Amino acid sequence: MIGDSHAAQWRPGIDLLAKRKKWSVVSLVEHSCDYTLPDRLRYTGNFASCRRWRIRVAAFLKLHPEIETVFVTGNFSYAGSRQNSAAEIAAYQSAWHKLPASVNRVVVIRDNPHSRPDNGRCLTRAIKAKRNAARACSYSRSEAVGPDNAVLAARALNDPAINVVDLSDFYCDPKLCFPVIGQALVYADGSHVTPTFNRSLGPYLLRAVNALG
C-alpha cells in the first residue's frame, strides 16, 4: 500500500483482503505525500521530505521483487488550482511506469467521498435532537465525490496492469452521501474514514480485486 494518510487509513480493509488471499501487507505511507513524479503539483507541504520518501519507496520495491501488486490512493482535494490536472495525470502515469518490473499490477483505489466541513457538529446536533443523523447530515454526492486524477490517469492508460477500484457507491446513493452507515460512523474528520467503516469495506474491496482477474 503506497500513498498518503488516505492510503494509511485503508489498512483495516486491506488487512481483511490480505487475510482472505493469504497475502502479506507492507504499508509505505507518508502523510501529505503521494507517489507521483515530479512533485504533486497541488501539494503545499515539504517537497524535500516527499522526494526522500519516494526514493525510499522505489529502493524498497527493488529490494523486494516478491511484491507483485501495489495499491495506491491519495487525497483528491489538496488545495490548489485544477488547471494543472493534465500535468498531474501525466505525473501519476510516469510514477507507475517507473515502478520495478517485478510489480505486475497497480490497483488505484478511488479516494473516498469527503464529508461536509461541519459534519461533527451536525451529527452532535442531530443526536441531541433525536433526529436521524444519517439523513439530517447527508450531503450532495456531486460535492462529496470530487475528480480524482489518479483514477483519470489509470483509465486513460487503458493498461490491463493498472486497474481502478471505485467504492463510492458504498458511501452514497445516486444523490446523497451519508456520515453514518449501518450504525457505523463513516468519517473521523472531513476526509478521513474511521477504521470501523474502512474495515466494513474489506469484503467489497476483496470482491472488486477478485473481479480484476
Protein backbone atom coordinates (compact mmCIF):
# COMPACT_ATOMS: atom_id res chain seq x y z
CA MET A 1 0.00 0.00 0.00
CA ILE A 2 1.59 3.26 -1.16
CA GLY A 3 0.39 6.79 -0.54
CA ASP A 4 -0.50 9.46 1.99
CA SER A 5 -2.78 9.34 5.03
CA HIS A 6 -5.65 8.33 2.74
CA ALA A 7 -3.65 5.22 1.93
CA ALA A 8 -2.79 4.62 5.59
CA GLN A 9 -6.48 4.66 6.54
CA TRP A 10 -7.04 1.66 4.23
CA ARG A 11 -5.03 -0.68 6.43
CA PRO A 12 -8.08 -2.36 8.09
CA GLY A 13 -9.74 -3.13 4.76
CA ILE A 14 -6.50 -4.21 3.11
CA ASP A 15 -5.72 -6.49 6.04
CA LEU A 16 -9.03 -8.30 5.59
CA LEU A 17 -8.40 -8.71 1.86
CA ALA A 18 -4.86 -9.95 2.51
CA LYS A 19 -6.02 -12.50 5.06
CA ARG A 20 -8.53 -13.96 2.59
CA LYS A 21 -5.96 -14.06 -0.22
CA LYS A 22 -3.12 -15.21 2.06
CA TRP A 23 -1.04 -12.15 1.20
CA SER A 24 1.37 -10.20 3.37
CA VAL A 25 0.88 -6.42 3.56
CA VAL A 26 3.52 -3.72 3.55
CA SER A 27 2.42 -0.10 4.10
CA LEU A 28 4.68 2.53 2.53
CA VAL A 29 2.95 5.73 3.59
CA GLU A 30 3.94 9.33 4.22
CA HIS A 31 1.34 11.84 5.32
CA SER A 32 0.65 14.58 2.76
CA CYS A 33 2.72 12.80 0.10
CA ASP A 34 1.68 10.56 -2.74
CA TYR A 35 3.77 8.54 -5.13
CA THR A 36 3.94 10.81 -8.15
CA LEU A 37 6.81 12.12 -10.22
CA PRO A 38 7.56 15.03 -10.27
CA ASP A 39 6.24 16.65 -7.08
CA ARG A 40 2.49 16.66 -6.81
CA LEU A 41 1.58 19.94 -8.44
CA ARG A 42 -1.02 20.94 -5.86
CA TYR A 43 0.93 19.84 -2.81
CA THR A 44 1.83 22.63 -0.37
CA GLY A 45 4.00 20.79 2.15
CA ASN A 46 7.61 19.68 2.40
CA PHE A 47 8.75 18.75 -1.11
CA ALA A 48 12.18 17.57 0.07
CA SER A 49 10.62 15.16 2.57
CA CYS A 50 8.33 13.72 -0.10
CA ARG A 51 11.23 13.28 -2.53
CA ARG A 52 13.23 11.37 0.06
CA TRP A 53 10.21 9.17 0.82
CA ARG A 54 9.67 8.36 -2.87
CA ILE A 55 13.31 7.39 -3.24
CA ARG A 56 12.99 5.05 -0.25
CA VAL A 57 9.82 3.53 -1.68
CA ALA A 58 11.47 2.83 -5.04
CA ALA A 59 14.51 1.33 -3.34
CA PHE A 60 12.37 -0.88 -1.11
CA LEU A 61 10.38 -2.24 -4.04
CA LYS A 62 13.55 -3.05 -5.97
CA LEU A 63 14.88 -4.93 -2.96
CA HIS A 64 11.63 -6.93 -2.67
CA PRO A 65 10.75 -8.41 -6.07
CA GLU A 66 8.24 -10.68 -4.33
CA ILE A 67 5.92 -7.65 -4.19
CA GLU A 68 3.79 -8.03 -7.31
CA THR A 69 0.69 -5.97 -6.51
CA VAL A 70 0.71 -2.33 -5.41
CA PHE A 71 -2.31 -0.44 -4.10
CA VAL A 72 -2.23 3.35 -4.40
CA THR A 73 -4.63 6.05 -3.29
CA GLY A 74 -4.48 9.64 -2.12
CA ASN A 75 -6.43 12.71 -1.12
CA PHE A 76 -8.07 14.17 -4.22
CA SER A 77 -8.67 17.58 -2.64
CA TYR A 78 -5.25 19.05 -1.88
CA ALA A 79 -5.57 22.83 -2.05
CA GLY A 80 -4.71 24.41 -5.38
CA SER A 81 -5.89 25.07 -8.89
CA ARG A 82 -7.37 22.38 -11.10
CA GLN A 83 -5.64 23.96 -14.08
CA ASN A 84 -2.73 21.54 -13.67
CA SER A 85 -4.87 18.41 -13.91
CA ALA A 86 -3.30 17.25 -17.18
CA ALA A 87 0.21 17.58 -15.77
CA GLU A 88 -0.81 15.78 -12.59
CA ILE A 89 -2.34 12.92 -14.58
CA ALA A 90 0.91 12.63 -16.52
CA ALA A 91 2.85 12.62 -13.23
CA TYR A 92 0.84 9.66 -11.92
CA GLN A 93 1.40 7.74 -15.14
CA SER A 94 5.12 8.45 -15.06
CA ALA A 95 5.37 7.25 -11.47
CA TRP A 96 3.62 3.96 -12.19
CA HIS A 97 5.73 3.30 -15.27
CA LYS A 98 8.87 3.75 -13.16
CA LEU A 99 7.87 1.02 -10.72
CA PRO A 100 10.14 -2.06 -10.85
CA ALA A 101 9.27 -4.70 -13.43
CA SER A 102 8.53 -7.09 -10.57
CA VAL A 103 5.35 -5.07 -9.87
CA ASN A 104 2.89 -6.51 -12.37
CA ARG A 105 -0.32 -4.89 -11.10
CA VAL A 106 -1.23 -1.45 -9.82
CA VAL A 107 -4.65 -1.05 -8.17
CA VAL A 108 -5.79 2.55 -7.85
CA ILE A 109 -8.40 2.88 -5.10
CA ARG A 110 -10.53 5.92 -5.79
CA ASP A 111 -10.34 8.36 -2.91
CA ASN A 112 -13.34 8.20 -0.61
CA PRO A 113 -16.08 10.84 -0.84
CA HIS A 114 -15.41 13.72 1.54
CA SER A 115 -17.82 14.87 4.22
CA ARG A 116 -19.17 18.35 4.89
CA PRO A 117 -16.89 20.63 6.96
CA ASP A 118 -19.35 20.79 9.87
CA ASN A 119 -20.02 17.04 9.88
CA GLY A 120 -19.15 16.52 13.55
CA ARG A 121 -21.23 19.45 14.77
CA CYS A 122 -24.15 18.41 12.58
CA LEU A 123 -24.12 14.88 13.98
CA THR A 124 -23.98 16.18 17.54
CA ARG A 125 -26.96 18.46 16.95
CA ALA A 126 -28.97 15.73 15.24
CA ILE A 127 -28.32 13.21 18.03
CA LYS A 128 -29.28 15.74 20.71
CA ALA A 129 -32.49 16.50 18.80
CA LYS A 130 -33.15 12.73 18.42
CA ARG A 131 -33.22 13.06 14.65
CA ASN A 132 -31.98 10.53 12.08
CA ALA A 133 -28.36 11.71 11.98
CA ALA A 134 -27.53 9.95 8.72
CA ARG A 135 -30.34 11.74 6.90
CA ALA A 136 -30.11 15.05 8.74
CA CYS A 137 -26.39 15.37 7.99
CA SER A 138 -26.32 13.91 4.48
CA TYR A 139 -24.78 15.97 1.71
CA SER A 140 -24.76 16.14 -2.07
CA ARG A 141 -22.91 13.36 -3.85
CA SER A 142 -21.84 15.82 -6.55
CA GLU A 143 -19.98 17.81 -3.88
CA ALA A 144 -18.61 14.85 -1.93
CA VAL A 145 -17.23 12.88 -4.88
CA GLY A 146 -14.67 15.14 -6.49
CA PRO A 147 -12.49 14.42 -9.54
CA ASP A 148 -9.64 12.02 -8.72
CA ASN A 149 -6.72 12.49 -11.10
CA ALA A 150 -5.18 9.15 -10.14
CA VAL A 151 -8.32 7.44 -11.41
CA LEU A 152 -8.34 9.54 -14.57
CA ALA A 153 -4.67 8.70 -15.13
CA ALA A 154 -5.29 4.97 -14.77
CA ARG A 155 -8.29 4.92 -17.08
CA ALA A 156 -6.54 7.00 -19.72
CA LEU A 157 -3.74 4.44 -19.94
CA ASN A 158 -6.11 1.58 -20.79
CA ASP A 159 -3.44 -0.77 -19.43
CA PRO A 160 -4.66 -4.14 -18.09
CA ALA A 161 -1.94 -3.99 -15.44
CA ILE A 162 -3.26 -0.70 -14.00
CA ASN A 163 -6.75 -1.02 -12.55
CA VAL A 164 -9.28 1.15 -10.72
CA VAL A 165 -11.45 0.19 -7.76
CA ASP A 166 -14.23 2.68 -7.01
CA LEU A 167 -16.25 2.03 -3.84
CA SER A 168 -18.07 5.38 -3.80
CA ASP A 169 -21.45 3.67 -4.01
CA PHE A 170 -20.91 2.27 -0.51
CA TYR A 171 -20.85 5.83 0.85
CA CYS A 172 -23.57 7.34 -1.29
CA ASP A 173 -26.82 6.74 -3.11
CA PRO A 174 -27.26 8.38 -6.54
CA LYS A 175 -27.88 11.80 -4.96
CA LEU A 176 -26.63 11.86 -1.37
CA CYS A 177 -23.68 10.69 0.74
CA PHE A 178 -24.06 9.77 4.39
CA PRO A 179 -21.96 10.27 7.54
CA VAL A 180 -23.43 7.23 9.30
CA ILE A 181 -23.98 3.91 7.51
CA GLY A 182 -25.14 0.69 9.14
CA GLN A 183 -24.81 2.36 12.56
CA ALA A 184 -21.11 2.97 11.88
CA LEU A 185 -19.59 6.44 11.92
CA VAL A 186 -18.08 6.92 8.46
CA TYR A 187 -15.73 9.87 8.98
CA ALA A 188 -13.07 10.61 11.58
CA ASP A 189 -12.80 14.14 10.16
CA GLY A 190 -13.63 15.93 6.91
CA SER A 191 -11.95 13.43 4.63
CA HIS A 192 -10.55 10.51 6.64
CA VAL A 193 -12.63 7.39 7.20
CA THR A 194 -12.90 5.65 10.58
CA PRO A 195 -11.16 2.28 10.96
CA THR A 196 -14.53 0.66 11.70
CA PHE A 197 -16.10 1.79 8.46
CA ASN A 198 -12.99 1.05 6.41
CA ARG A 199 -12.90 -2.48 7.82
CA SER A 200 -16.51 -2.93 6.72
CA LEU A 201 -15.40 -2.20 3.14
CA GLY A 202 -12.86 -5.02 3.20
CA PRO A 203 -15.17 -7.70 1.71
CA TYR A 204 -16.18 -5.36 -1.10
CA LEU A 205 -12.57 -4.45 -1.83
CA LEU A 206 -11.82 -8.18 -1.97
CA ARG A 207 -14.69 -8.75 -4.39
CA ALA A 208 -13.54 -5.87 -6.61
CA VAL A 209 -9.94 -7.10 -6.67
CA ASN A 210 -11.02 -10.66 -7.44
CA ALA A 211 -13.10 -9.33 -10.34
CA LEU A 212 -9.94 -7.86 -11.88
CA GLY A 213 -8.83 -11.38 -12.68
